[in-house]
PDB file of N, CA and C in Angstrom:
ATOM      1  N   MET A   1      -8.172 -28.196 -34.284  1.00  0.00           N
ATOM      2  CA  MET A   1      -7.865 -29.231 -33.323  1.00  0.00           C
ATOM      3  C   MET A   1      -6.941 -28.694 -32.234  1.00  0.00           C
ATOM      4  N   LYS A   2      -5.931 -27.908 -32.666  1.00  0.00           N
ATOM      5  CA  LYS A   2      -5.002 -27.368 -31.676  1.00  0.00           C
ATOM      6  C   LYS A   2      -5.728 -26.457 -30.687  1.00  0.00           C
ATOM      7  N   SER A   3      -6.663 -25.643 -31.197  1.00  0.00           N
ATOM      8  CA  SER A   3      -7.374 -24.728 -30.297  1.00  0.00           C
ATOM      9  C   SER A   3      -8.249 -25.494 -29.314  1.00  0.00           C
ATOM     10  N   ALA A   4      -8.830 -26.607 -29.754  1.00  0.00           N
ATOM     11  CA  ALA A   4      -9.646 -27.423 -28.850  1.00  0.00           C
ATOM     12  C   ALA A   4      -8.779 -28.049 -27.766  1.00  0.00           C
ATOM     13  N   LEU A   5      -7.603 -28.519 -28.128  1.00  0.00           N
ATOM     14  CA  LEU A   5      -6.688 -29.087 -27.139  1.00  0.00           C
ATOM     15  C   LEU A   5      -6.199 -28.013 -26.173  1.00  0.00           C
ATOM     16  N   PHE A   6      -5.942 -26.827 -26.711  1.00  0.00           N
ATOM     17  CA  PHE A   6      -5.503 -25.710 -25.863  1.00  0.00           C
ATOM     18  C   PHE A   6      -6.584 -25.354 -24.847  1.00  0.00           C
ATOM     19  N   ALA A   7      -7.840 -25.282 -25.306  1.00  0.00           N
ATOM     20  CA  ALA A   7      -8.955 -24.969 -24.416  1.00  0.00           C
ATOM     21  C   ALA A   7      -9.120 -26.051 -23.352  1.00  0.00           C
ATOM     22  N   LEU A   8      -8.984 -27.292 -23.759  1.00  0.00           N
ATOM     23  CA  LEU A   8      -9.093 -28.402 -22.812  1.00  0.00           C
ATOM     24  C   LEU A   8      -7.976 -28.332 -21.770  1.00  0.00           C
ATOM     25  N   ALA A   9      -6.766 -28.006 -22.213  1.00  0.00           N
ATOM     26  CA  ALA A   9      -5.637 -27.888 -21.289  1.00  0.00           C
ATOM     27  C   ALA A   9      -5.866 -26.757 -20.295  1.00  0.00           C
ATOM     28  N   LEU A  10      -6.365 -25.612 -20.775  1.00  0.00           N
ATOM     29  CA  LEU A  10      -6.645 -24.492 -19.871  1.00  0.00           C
ATOM     30  C   LEU A  10      -7.703 -24.865 -18.842  1.00  0.00           C
ATOM     31  N   THR A  11      -8.736 -25.563 -19.306  1.00  0.00           N
ATOM     32  CA  THR A  11      -9.792 -25.994 -18.389  1.00  0.00           C
ATOM     33  C   THR A  11      -9.234 -26.933 -17.325  1.00  0.00           C
ATOM     34  N   ALA A  12      -8.400 -27.863 -17.746  1.00  0.00           N
ATOM     35  CA  ALA A  12      -7.802 -28.817 -16.807  1.00  0.00           C
ATOM     36  C   ALA A  12      -6.919 -28.112 -15.798  1.00  0.00           C
ATOM     37  N   LEU A  13      -6.192 -27.090 -16.258  1.00  0.00           N
ATOM     38  CA  LEU A  13      -5.329 -26.344 -15.338  1.00  0.00           C
ATOM     39  C   LEU A  13      -6.142 -25.508 -14.360  1.00  0.00           C
ATOM     40  N   ALA A  14      -7.271 -24.987 -14.818  1.00  0.00           N
ATOM     41  CA  ALA A  14      -8.087 -24.129 -13.971  1.00  0.00           C
ATOM     42  C   ALA A  14      -8.926 -24.920 -12.986  1.00  0.00           C
ATOM     43  N   PHE A  15      -9.257 -26.173 -13.283  1.00  0.00           N
ATOM     44  CA  PHE A  15     -10.155 -26.961 -12.444  1.00  0.00           C
ATOM     45  C   PHE A  15      -9.681 -27.101 -11.002  1.00  0.00           C
ATOM     46  N   PRO A  16      -8.404 -27.427 -10.739  1.00  0.00           N
ATOM     47  CA  PRO A  16      -7.991 -27.553  -9.335  1.00  0.00           C
ATOM     48  C   PRO A  16      -8.205 -26.263  -8.539  1.00  0.00           C
ATOM     49  N   ALA A  17      -7.938 -25.118  -9.153  1.00  0.00           N
ATOM     50  CA  ALA A  17      -8.139 -23.843  -8.449  1.00  0.00           C
ATOM     51  C   ALA A  17      -9.616 -23.621  -8.179  1.00  0.00           C
ATOM     52  N   TRP A  18     -10.476 -23.938  -9.174  1.00  0.00           N
ATOM     53  CA  TRP A  18     -11.908 -23.778  -8.985  1.00  0.00           C
ATOM     54  C   TRP A  18     -12.402 -24.702  -7.883  1.00  0.00           C
ATOM     55  N   ALA A  19     -11.958 -25.937  -7.909  1.00  0.00           N
ATOM     56  CA  ALA A  19     -12.384 -26.910  -6.909  1.00  0.00           C
ATOM     57  C   ALA A  19     -11.954 -26.487  -5.517  1.00  0.00           C
ATOM     58  N   GLN A  20     -10.737 -25.961  -5.418  1.00  0.00           N
ATOM     59  CA  GLN A  20     -10.234 -25.523  -4.122  1.00  0.00           C
ATOM     60  C   GLN A  20     -11.048 -24.338  -3.615  1.00  0.00           C
ATOM     61  N   ASP A  21     -11.299 -23.354  -4.478  1.00  0.00           N
ATOM     62  CA  ASP A  21     -12.101 -22.193  -4.090  1.00  0.00           C
ATOM     63  C   ASP A  21     -13.507 -22.607  -3.719  1.00  0.00           C
ATOM     64  N   ASN A  22     -14.080 -23.497  -4.482  1.00  0.00           N
ATOM     65  CA  ASN A  22     -15.432 -23.952  -4.238  1.00  0.00           C
ATOM     66  C   ASN A  22     -15.523 -24.714  -2.925  1.00  0.00           C
ATOM     67  N   HIS A  23     -14.498 -25.414  -2.555  1.00  0.00           N
ATOM     68  CA  HIS A  23     -14.483 -26.226  -1.353  1.00  0.00           C
ATOM     69  C   HIS A  23     -14.031 -25.429  -0.124  1.00  0.00           C
ATOM     70  N   ALA A  24     -13.277 -24.375  -0.351  1.00  0.00           N
ATOM     71  CA  ALA A  24     -12.657 -23.638   0.748  1.00  0.00           C
ATOM     72  C   ALA A  24     -13.665 -23.025   1.700  1.00  0.00           C
ATOM     73  N   GLY A  25     -14.833 -22.658   1.224  1.00  0.00           N
ATOM     74  CA  GLY A  25     -15.786 -21.957   2.067  1.00  0.00           C
ATOM     75  C   GLY A  25     -16.567 -22.828   3.013  1.00  0.00           C
ATOM     76  N   HIS A  26     -16.464 -24.133   2.924  1.00  0.00           N
ATOM     77  CA  HIS A  26     -17.297 -25.004   3.745  1.00  0.00           C
ATOM     78  C   HIS A  26     -17.129 -24.756   5.238  1.00  0.00           C
ATOM     79  N   GLY A  27     -15.916 -24.742   5.741  1.00  0.00           N
ATOM     80  CA  GLY A  27     -15.706 -24.518   7.163  1.00  0.00           C
ATOM     81  C   GLY A  27     -15.909 -23.069   7.550  1.00  0.00           C
ATOM     82  N   ALA A  28     -15.522 -22.160   6.667  1.00  0.00           N
ATOM     83  CA  ALA A  28     -15.619 -20.737   6.975  1.00  0.00           C
ATOM     84  C   ALA A  28     -17.063 -20.289   7.063  1.00  0.00           C
ATOM     85  N   ALA A  29     -17.940 -20.895   6.288  1.00  0.00           N
ATOM     86  CA  ALA A  29     -19.338 -20.483   6.294  1.00  0.00           C
ATOM     87  C   ALA A  29     -19.967 -20.748   7.651  1.00  0.00           C
ATOM     88  N   ALA A  30     -19.524 -21.814   8.333  1.00  0.00           N
ATOM     89  CA  ALA A  30     -20.103 -22.164   9.618  1.00  0.00           C
ATOM     90  C   ALA A  30     -19.559 -21.284  10.744  1.00  0.00           C
ATOM     91  N   ALA A  31     -18.344 -20.813  10.592  1.00  0.00           N
ATOM     92  CA  ALA A  31     -17.738 -19.993  11.637  1.00  0.00           C
ATOM     93  C   ALA A  31     -18.309 -18.585  11.587  1.00  0.00           C
ATOM     94  N   GLU A  32     -18.505 -17.982  12.747  1.00  0.00           N
ATOM     95  CA  GLU A  32     -19.007 -16.615  12.805  1.00  0.00           C
ATOM     96  C   GLU A  32     -17.875 -15.637  12.553  1.00  0.00           C
ATOM     97  N   GLU A  33     -18.250 -14.506  11.984  1.00  0.00           N
ATOM     98  CA  GLU A  33     -17.286 -13.445  11.736  1.00  0.00           C
ATOM     99  C   GLU A  33     -16.937 -12.785  13.068  1.00  0.00           C
ATOM    100  N   ALA A  34     -15.683 -12.447  13.241  1.00  0.00           N
ATOM    101  CA  ALA A  34     -15.255 -11.771  14.471  1.00  0.00           C
ATOM    102  C   ALA A  34     -16.003 -10.455  14.605  1.00  0.00           C
ATOM    103  N   PRO A  35     -16.389 -10.067  15.814  1.00  0.00           N
ATOM    104  CA  PRO A  35     -17.098  -8.804  16.010  1.00  0.00           C
ATOM    105  C   PRO A  35     -16.329  -7.599  15.455  1.00  0.00           C
ATOM    106  N   SER A  36     -15.003  -7.623  15.581  1.00  0.00           N
ATOM    107  CA  SER A  36     -14.230  -6.499  15.046  1.00  0.00           C
ATOM    108  C   SER A  36     -14.319  -6.455  13.529  1.00  0.00           C
ATOM    109  N   THR A  37     -14.334  -7.621  12.881  1.00  0.00           N
ATOM    110  CA  THR A  37     -14.452  -7.668  11.425  1.00  0.00           C
ATOM    111  C   THR A  37     -15.800  -7.127  10.993  1.00  0.00           C
ATOM    112  N   ALA A  38     -16.848  -7.513  11.681  1.00  0.00           N
ATOM    113  CA  ALA A  38     -18.185  -7.009  11.362  1.00  0.00           C
ATOM    114  C   ALA A  38     -18.234  -5.488  11.538  1.00  0.00           C
ATOM    115  N   ALA A  39     -17.600  -4.989  12.585  1.00  0.00           N
ATOM    116  CA  ALA A  39     -17.583  -3.545  12.825  1.00  0.00           C
ATOM    117  C   ALA A  39     -16.786  -2.815  11.744  1.00  0.00           C
ATOM    118  N   PHE A  40     -15.639  -3.387  11.337  1.00  0.00           N
ATOM    119  CA  PHE A  40     -14.861  -2.782  10.255  1.00  0.00           C
ATOM    120  C   PHE A  40     -15.663  -2.784   8.954  1.00  0.00           C
ATOM    121  N   ARG A  41     -16.345  -3.889   8.667  1.00  0.00           N
ATOM    122  CA  ARG A  41     -17.157  -3.969   7.441  1.00  0.00           C
ATOM    123  C   ARG A  41     -18.246  -2.902   7.445  1.00  0.00           C
ATOM    124  N   ALA A  42     -18.909  -2.730   8.580  1.00  0.00           N
ATOM    125  CA  ALA A  42     -19.978  -1.734   8.681  1.00  0.00           C
ATOM    126  C   ALA A  42     -19.430  -0.325   8.492  1.00  0.00           C
ATOM    127  N   ALA A  43     -18.299  -0.034   9.113  1.00  0.00           N
ATOM    128  CA  ALA A  43     -17.692   1.291   8.971  1.00  0.00           C
ATOM    129  C   ALA A  43     -17.295   1.548   7.523  1.00  0.00           C
ATOM    130  N   ASN A  44     -16.708   0.552   6.897  1.00  0.00           N
ATOM    131  CA  ASN A  44     -16.269   0.681   5.509  1.00  0.00           C
ATOM    132  C   ASN A  44     -17.468   0.885   4.582  1.00  0.00           C
ATOM    133  N   MET A  45     -18.523   0.103   4.784  1.00  0.00           N
ATOM    134  CA  MET A  45     -19.708   0.211   3.938  1.00  0.00           C
ATOM    135  C   MET A  45     -20.352   1.596   4.082  1.00  0.00           C
ATOM    136  N   SER A  46     -20.482   2.053   5.307  1.00  0.00           N
ATOM    137  CA  SER A  46     -21.068   3.370   5.548  1.00  0.00           C
ATOM    138  C   SER A  46     -20.240   4.465   4.887  1.00  0.00           C
ATOM    139  N   MET A  47     -18.923   4.380   5.044  1.00  0.00           N
ATOM    140  CA  MET A  47     -18.033   5.384   4.464  1.00  0.00           C
ATOM    141  C   MET A  47     -18.208   5.428   2.948  1.00  0.00           C
ATOM    142  N   HIS A  48     -18.182   4.274   2.309  1.00  0.00           N
ATOM    143  CA  HIS A  48     -18.268   4.245   0.847  1.00  0.00           C
ATOM    144  C   HIS A  48     -19.644   4.679   0.344  1.00  0.00           C
ATOM    145  N   GLU A  49     -20.697   4.311   1.056  1.00  0.00           N
ATOM    146  CA  GLU A  49     -22.040   4.764   0.668  1.00  0.00           C
ATOM    147  C   GLU A  49     -22.135   6.280   0.752  1.00  0.00           C
ATOM    148  N   ASN A  50     -21.591   6.855   1.805  1.00  0.00           N
ATOM    149  CA  ASN A  50     -21.669   8.306   1.993  1.00  0.00           C
ATOM    150  C   ASN A  50     -20.717   9.077   1.084  1.00  0.00           C
ATOM    151  N   MET A  51     -19.676   8.420   0.610  1.00  0.00           N
ATOM    152  CA  MET A  51     -18.767   9.080  -0.330  1.00  0.00           C
ATOM    153  C   MET A  51     -19.338   9.089  -1.750  1.00  0.00           C
ATOM    154  N   ASP A  52     -20.339   8.270  -2.016  1.00  0.00           N
ATOM    155  CA  ASP A  52     -20.990   8.235  -3.312  1.00  0.00           C
ATOM    156  C   ASP A  52     -21.989   9.384  -3.359  1.00  0.00           C
ATOM    157  N   MET A  53     -21.526  10.523  -3.829  1.00  0.00           N
ATOM    158  CA  MET A  53     -22.311  11.755  -3.741  1.00  0.00           C
ATOM    159  C   MET A  53     -22.500  12.364  -5.121  1.00  0.00           C
ATOM    160  N   GLU A  54     -23.401  13.325  -5.191  1.00  0.00           N
ATOM    161  CA  GLU A  54     -23.552  14.115  -6.405  1.00  0.00           C
ATOM    162  C   GLU A  54     -22.480  15.188  -6.400  1.00  0.00           C
ATOM    163  N   TYR A  55     -21.790  15.313  -7.516  1.00  0.00           N
ATOM    164  CA  TYR A  55     -20.732  16.317  -7.612  1.00  0.00           C
ATOM    165  C   TYR A  55     -21.313  17.639  -8.077  1.00  0.00           C
ATOM    166  N   THR A  56     -20.725  18.723  -7.587  1.00  0.00           N
ATOM    167  CA  THR A  56     -21.213  20.068  -7.905  1.00  0.00           C
ATOM    168  C   THR A  56     -20.432  20.720  -9.036  1.00  0.00           C
ATOM    169  N   GLY A  57     -19.233  20.227  -9.307  1.00  0.00           N
ATOM    170  CA  GLY A  57     -18.358  20.877 -10.270  1.00  0.00           C
ATOM    171  C   GLY A  57     -17.431  21.876  -9.606  1.00  0.00           C
ATOM    172  N   ASN A  58     -17.641  22.120  -8.320  1.00  0.00           N
ATOM    173  CA  ASN A  58     -16.773  23.000  -7.540  1.00  0.00           C
ATOM    174  C   ASN A  58     -15.789  22.085  -6.802  1.00  0.00           C
ATOM    175  N   ALA A  59     -14.523  22.133  -7.196  1.00  0.00           N
ATOM    176  CA  ALA A  59     -13.528  21.214  -6.633  1.00  0.00           C
ATOM    177  C   ALA A  59     -13.400  21.348  -5.124  1.00  0.00           C
ATOM    178  N   ASP A  60     -13.482  22.552  -4.613  1.00  0.00           N
ATOM    179  CA  ASP A  60     -13.350  22.754  -3.168  1.00  0.00           C
ATOM    180  C   ASP A  60     -14.507  22.081  -2.429  1.00  0.00           C
ATOM    181  N   VAL A  61     -15.703  22.342  -2.890  1.00  0.00           N
ATOM    182  CA  VAL A  61     -16.900  21.780  -2.257  1.00  0.00           C
ATOM    183  C   VAL A  61     -16.907  20.260  -2.386  1.00  0.00           C
ATOM    184  N   ASP A  62     -16.649  19.763  -3.595  1.00  0.00           N
ATOM    185  CA  ASP A  62     -16.673  18.316  -3.811  1.00  0.00           C
ATOM    186  C   ASP A  62     -15.606  17.607  -2.980  1.00  0.00           C
ATOM    187  N   PHE A  63     -14.437  18.226  -2.871  1.00  0.00           N
ATOM    188  CA  PHE A  63     -13.369  17.643  -2.048  1.00  0.00           C
ATOM    189  C   PHE A  63     -13.814  17.518  -0.598  1.00  0.00           C
ATOM    190  N   LEU A  64     -14.341  18.599  -0.041  1.00  0.00           N
ATOM    191  CA  LEU A  64     -14.750  18.565   1.364  1.00  0.00           C
ATOM    192  C   LEU A  64     -15.923  17.623   1.584  1.00  0.00           C
ATOM    193  N   ARG A  65     -16.888  17.641   0.670  1.00  0.00           N
ATOM    194  CA  ARG A  65     -18.051  16.763   0.816  1.00  0.00           C
ATOM    195  C   ARG A  65     -17.656  15.298   0.720  1.00  0.00           C
ATOM    196  N   GLY A  66     -16.623  14.982  -0.025  1.00  0.00           N
ATOM    197  CA  GLY A  66     -16.138  13.607  -0.091  1.00  0.00           C
ATOM    198  C   GLY A  66     -15.253  13.235   1.081  1.00  0.00           C
ATOM    199  N   MET A  67     -14.492  14.209   1.567  1.00  0.00           N
ATOM    200  CA  MET A  67     -13.562  13.929   2.665  1.00  0.00           C
ATOM    201  C   MET A  67     -14.269  13.773   4.011  1.00  0.00           C
ATOM    202  N   ILE A  68     -15.397  14.412   4.182  1.00  0.00           N
ATOM    203  CA  ILE A  68     -16.110  14.294   5.465  1.00  0.00           C
ATOM    204  C   ILE A  68     -16.474  12.834   5.751  1.00  0.00           C
ATOM    205  N   PRO A  69     -17.144  12.134   4.837  1.00  0.00           N
ATOM    206  CA  PRO A  69     -17.433  10.726   5.139  1.00  0.00           C
ATOM    207  C   PRO A  69     -16.166   9.863   5.201  1.00  0.00           C
ATOM    208  N   HIS A  70     -15.153  10.257   4.441  1.00  0.00           N
ATOM    209  CA  HIS A  70     -13.885   9.523   4.490  1.00  0.00           C
ATOM    210  C   HIS A  70     -13.283   9.640   5.893  1.00  0.00           C
ATOM    211  N   HIS A  71     -13.263  10.850   6.435  1.00  0.00           N
ATOM    212  CA  HIS A  71     -12.739  11.062   7.787  1.00  0.00           C
ATOM    213  C   HIS A  71     -13.617  10.384   8.831  1.00  0.00           C
ATOM    214  N   LYS A  72     -14.946  10.453   8.642  1.00  0.00           N
ATOM    215  CA  LYS A  72     -15.845   9.782   9.579  1.00  0.00           C
ATOM    216  C   LYS A  72     -15.600   8.275   9.564  1.00  0.00           C
ATOM    217  N   GLY A  73     -15.273   7.739   8.394  1.00  0.00           N
ATOM    218  CA  GLY A  73     -14.928   6.323   8.301  1.00  0.00           C
ATOM    219  C   GLY A  73     -13.671   6.001   9.086  1.00  0.00           C
ATOM    220  N   ALA A  74     -12.682   6.907   9.008  1.00  0.00           N
ATOM    221  CA  ALA A  74     -11.442   6.704   9.770  1.00  0.00           C
ATOM    222  C   ALA A  74     -11.734   6.730  11.268  1.00  0.00           C
ATOM    223  N   VAL A  75     -12.607   7.642  11.689  1.00  0.00           N
ATOM    224  CA  VAL A  75     -12.985   7.718  13.103  1.00  0.00           C
ATOM    225  C   VAL A  75     -13.686   6.428  13.528  1.00  0.00           C
ATOM    226  N   ALA A  76     -14.603   5.954  12.701  1.00  0.00           N
ATOM    227  CA  ALA A  76     -15.333   4.722  13.032  1.00  0.00           C
ATOM    228  C   ALA A  76     -14.379   3.532  13.136  1.00  0.00           C
ATOM    229  N   MET A  77     -13.415   3.444  12.211  1.00  0.00           N
ATOM    230  CA  MET A  77     -12.457   2.339  12.262  1.00  0.00           C
ATOM    231  C   MET A  77     -11.555   2.452  13.489  1.00  0.00           C
ATOM    232  N   ALA A  78     -11.168   3.675  13.834  1.00  0.00           N
ATOM    233  CA  ALA A  78     -10.333   3.870  15.018  1.00  0.00           C
ATOM    234  C   ALA A  78     -11.093   3.463  16.285  1.00  0.00           C
ATOM    235  N   LYS A  79     -12.392   3.727  16.298  1.00  0.00           N
ATOM    236  CA  LYS A  79     -13.206   3.326  17.452  1.00  0.00           C
ATOM    237  C   LYS A  79     -13.309   1.801  17.562  1.00  0.00           C
ATOM    238  N   VAL A  80     -13.271   1.116  16.428  1.00  0.00           N
ATOM    239  CA  VAL A  80     -13.258  -0.351  16.449  1.00  0.00           C
ATOM    240  C   VAL A  80     -11.985  -0.826  17.138  1.00  0.00           C
ATOM    241  N   VAL A  81     -10.870  -0.194  16.820  1.00  0.00           N
ATOM    242  CA  VAL A  81      -9.594  -0.562  17.453  1.00  0.00           C
ATOM    243  C   VAL A  81      -9.659  -0.300  18.953  1.00  0.00           C
ATOM    244  N   LEU A  82     -10.243   0.815  19.357  1.00  0.00           N
ATOM    245  CA  LEU A  82     -10.338   1.104  20.791  1.00  0.00           C
ATOM    246  C   LEU A  82     -11.193   0.064  21.511  1.00  0.00           C
ATOM    247  N   GLU A  83     -12.216  -0.422  20.824  1.00  0.00           N
ATOM    248  CA  GLU A  83     -13.090  -1.412  21.459  1.00  0.00           C
ATOM    249  C   GLU A  83     -12.503  -2.824  21.448  1.00  0.00           C
ATOM    250  N   TYR A  84     -11.886  -3.214  20.344  1.00  0.00           N
ATOM    251  CA  TYR A  84     -11.467  -4.598  20.186  1.00  0.00           C
ATOM    252  C   TYR A  84      -9.958  -4.806  20.167  1.00  0.00           C
ATOM    253  N   GLY A  85      -9.188  -3.749  19.953  1.00  0.00           N
ATOM    254  CA  GLY A  85      -7.740  -3.899  19.848  1.00  0.00           C
ATOM    255  C   GLY A  85      -7.090  -4.150  21.191  1.00  0.00           C
ATOM    256  N   SER A  86      -5.836  -4.566  21.140  1.00  0.00           N
ATOM    257  CA  SER A  86      -5.129  -4.865  22.387  1.00  0.00           C
ATOM    258  C   SER A  86      -3.766  -4.182  22.479  1.00  0.00           C
ATOM    259  N   ASP A  87      -3.221  -3.744  21.362  1.00  0.00           N
ATOM    260  CA  ASP A  87      -1.887  -3.151  21.373  1.00  0.00           C
ATOM    261  C   ASP A  87      -1.971  -1.683  21.798  1.00  0.00           C
ATOM    262  N   PRO A  88      -1.255  -1.295  22.855  1.00  0.00           N
ATOM    263  CA  PRO A  88      -1.324   0.091  23.342  1.00  0.00           C
ATOM    264  C   PRO A  88      -0.878   1.122  22.309  1.00  0.00           C
ATOM    265  N   GLU A  89       0.102   0.782  21.496  1.00  0.00           N
ATOM    266  CA  GLU A  89       0.569   1.738  20.479  1.00  0.00           C
ATOM    267  C   GLU A  89      -0.483   1.951  19.395  1.00  0.00           C
ATOM    268  N   VAL A  90      -1.142   0.886  19.003  1.00  0.00           N
ATOM    269  CA  VAL A  90      -2.184   1.005  17.984  1.00  0.00           C
ATOM    270  C   VAL A  90      -3.373   1.773  18.553  1.00  0.00           C
ATOM    271  N   LYS A  91      -3.710   1.500  19.808  1.00  0.00           N
ATOM    272  CA  LYS A  91      -4.814   2.225  20.438  1.00  0.00           C
ATOM    273  C   LYS A  91      -4.496   3.717  20.582  1.00  0.00           C
ATOM    274  N   LYS A  92      -3.250   4.045  20.884  1.00  0.00           N
ATOM    275  CA  LYS A  92      -2.839   5.449  20.965  1.00  0.00           C
ATOM    276  C   LYS A  92      -2.953   6.107  19.593  1.00  0.00           C
ATOM    277  N   LEU A  93      -2.514   5.404  18.554  1.00  0.00           N
ATOM    278  CA  LEU A  93      -2.661   5.927  17.204  1.00  0.00           C
ATOM    279  C   LEU A  93      -4.134   6.154  16.877  1.00  0.00           C
ATOM    280  N   ALA A  94      -4.989   5.222  17.254  1.00  0.00           N
ATOM    281  CA  ALA A  94      -6.425   5.369  17.014  1.00  0.00           C
ATOM    282  C   ALA A  94      -6.974   6.606  17.714  1.00  0.00           C
ATOM    283  N   GLU A  95      -6.550   6.833  18.949  1.00  0.00           N
ATOM    284  CA  GLU A  95      -6.985   8.033  19.683  1.00  0.00           C
ATOM    285  C   GLU A  95      -6.521   9.305  18.971  1.00  0.00           C
ATOM    286  N   ASP A  96      -5.284   9.306  18.492  1.00  0.00           N
ATOM    287  CA  ASP A  96      -4.744  10.462  17.768  1.00  0.00           C
ATOM    288  C   ASP A  96      -5.511  10.696  16.469  1.00  0.00           C
ATOM    289  N   ILE A  97      -5.840   9.623  15.783  1.00  0.00           N
ATOM    290  CA  ILE A  97      -6.595   9.732  14.533  1.00  0.00           C
ATOM    291  C   ILE A  97      -7.973  10.318  14.801  1.00  0.00           C
ATOM    292  N   ILE A  98      -8.631   9.842  15.837  1.00  0.00           N
ATOM    293  CA  ILE A  98      -9.955  10.367  16.182  1.00  0.00           C
ATOM    294  C   ILE A  98      -9.871  11.865  16.445  1.00  0.00           C
ATOM    295  N   ALA A  99      -8.924  12.286  17.244  1.00  0.00           N
ATOM    296  CA  ALA A  99      -8.790  13.718  17.571  1.00  0.00           C
ATOM    297  C   ALA A  99      -8.520  14.552  16.323  1.00  0.00           C
ATOM    298  N   ALA A 100      -7.599  14.105  15.504  1.00  0.00           N
ATOM    299  CA  ALA A 100      -7.237  14.873  14.301  1.00  0.00           C
ATOM    300  C   ALA A 100      -8.380  14.899  13.295  1.00  0.00           C
ATOM    301  N   GLN A 101      -8.995  13.743  13.057  1.00  0.00           N
ATOM    302  CA  GLN A 101     -10.055  13.674  12.054  1.00  0.00           C
ATOM    303  C   GLN A 101     -11.287  14.460  12.488  1.00  0.00           C
ATOM    304  N   GLU A 102     -11.625  14.408  13.776  1.00  0.00           N
ATOM    305  CA  GLU A 102     -12.781  15.165  14.247  1.00  0.00           C
ATOM    306  C   GLU A 102     -12.539  16.668  14.121  1.00  0.00           C
ATOM    307  N   LYS A 103     -11.324  17.107  14.363  1.00  0.00           N
ATOM    308  CA  LYS A 103     -10.981  18.525  14.193  1.00  0.00           C
ATOM    309  C   LYS A 103     -11.119  18.923  12.720  1.00  0.00           C
ATOM    310  N   GLU A 104     -10.640  18.072  11.832  1.00  0.00           N
ATOM    311  CA  GLU A 104     -10.734  18.365  10.401  1.00  0.00           C
ATOM    312  C   GLU A 104     -12.177  18.314   9.906  1.00  0.00           C
ATOM    313  N   ILE A 105     -12.965  17.382  10.421  1.00  0.00           N
ATOM    314  CA  ILE A 105     -14.383  17.309  10.057  1.00  0.00           C
ATOM    315  C   ILE A 105     -15.076  18.606  10.454  1.00  0.00           C
ATOM    316  N   ALA A 106     -14.806  19.088  11.659  1.00  0.00           N
ATOM    317  CA  ALA A 106     -15.410  20.339  12.127  1.00  0.00           C
ATOM    318  C   ALA A 106     -15.027  21.497  11.205  1.00  0.00           C
ATOM    319  N   PHE A 107     -13.762  21.569  10.803  1.00  0.00           N
ATOM    320  CA  PHE A 107     -13.321  22.619   9.887  1.00  0.00           C
ATOM    321  C   PHE A 107     -14.084  22.534   8.565  1.00  0.00           C
ATOM    322  N   MET A 108     -14.181  21.321   8.017  1.00  0.00           N
ATOM    323  CA  MET A 108     -14.838  21.151   6.713  1.00  0.00           C
ATOM    324  C   MET A 108     -16.318  21.501   6.778  1.00  0.00           C
ATOM    325  N   LEU A 109     -16.993  21.081   7.837  1.00  0.00           N
ATOM    326  CA  LEU A 109     -18.407  21.417   7.992  1.00  0.00           C
ATOM    327  C   LEU A 109     -18.596  22.920   8.130  1.00  0.00           C
ATOM    328  N   ASP A 110     -17.728  23.551   8.892  1.00  0.00           N
ATOM    329  CA  ASP A 110     -17.792  25.008   9.066  1.00  0.00           C
ATOM    330  C   ASP A 110     -17.563  25.714   7.732  1.00  0.00           C
ATOM    331  N   TRP A 111     -16.555  25.255   6.971  1.00  0.00           N
ATOM    332  CA  TRP A 111     -16.251  25.875   5.684  1.00  0.00           C
ATOM    333  C   TRP A 111     -17.436  25.737   4.740  1.00  0.00           C
ATOM    334  N   LEU A 112     -18.022  24.555   4.699  1.00  0.00           N
ATOM    335  CA  LEU A 112     -19.181  24.334   3.813  1.00  0.00           C
ATOM    336  C   LEU A 112     -20.367  25.207   4.224  1.00  0.00           C
ATOM    337  N   ALA A 113     -20.558  25.403   5.530  1.00  0.00           N
ATOM    338  CA  ALA A 113     -21.654  26.263   6.001  1.00  0.00           C
ATOM    339  C   ALA A 113     -21.434  27.710   5.574  1.00  0.00           C
ATOM    340  N   LYS A 114     -20.180  28.134   5.508  1.00  0.00           N
ATOM    341  CA  LYS A 114     -19.862  29.511   5.101  1.00  0.00           C
ATOM    342  C   LYS A 114     -19.859  29.683   3.587  1.00  0.00           C
ATOM    343  N   HIS A 115     -19.857  28.590   2.849  1.00  0.00           N
ATOM    344  CA  HIS A 115     -19.834  28.621   1.383  1.00  0.00           C
ATOM    345  C   HIS A 115     -20.956  27.733   0.830  1.00  0.00           C
ATOM    346  N   PRO A 116     -22.194  28.152   1.036  1.00  0.00           N
ATOM    347  CA  PRO A 116     -23.307  27.300   0.607  1.00  0.00           C
ATOM    348  C   PRO A 116     -23.346  27.127  -0.906  1.00  0.00           C
ATOM    349  N   GLN A 117     -23.788  25.980  -1.322  1.00  0.00           N
ATOM    350  CA  GLN A 117     -23.911  25.673  -2.755  1.00  0.00           C
ATOM    351  C   GLN A 117     -25.364  25.617  -3.128  1.00  0.00           C
TER     352      GLN A 117
END
């Protein structure tokens, strides 16, 4: 009997949160996603898909092969800031990130070309 009452109490406590979550999406579903959010989502999805790779067992190779899409994701996100952002300091940081990440991507691609697997 005690366990049944405990379960009922837990259900009663959880119901308001469930109802709120279930109801919360009504207005949001009708509103369109901001273009910058859609661009960030696309960059993130692409980065994670490309980071899902077959591992070779060579730590150097696997590190670089995983970091290339990671860096490309950072470049893509920085480009979203350049297109949609408004803060000059954040945009400057985005420009710096693009320059640094592209230089590192070039190094990693060159290294992988010199060390074929």
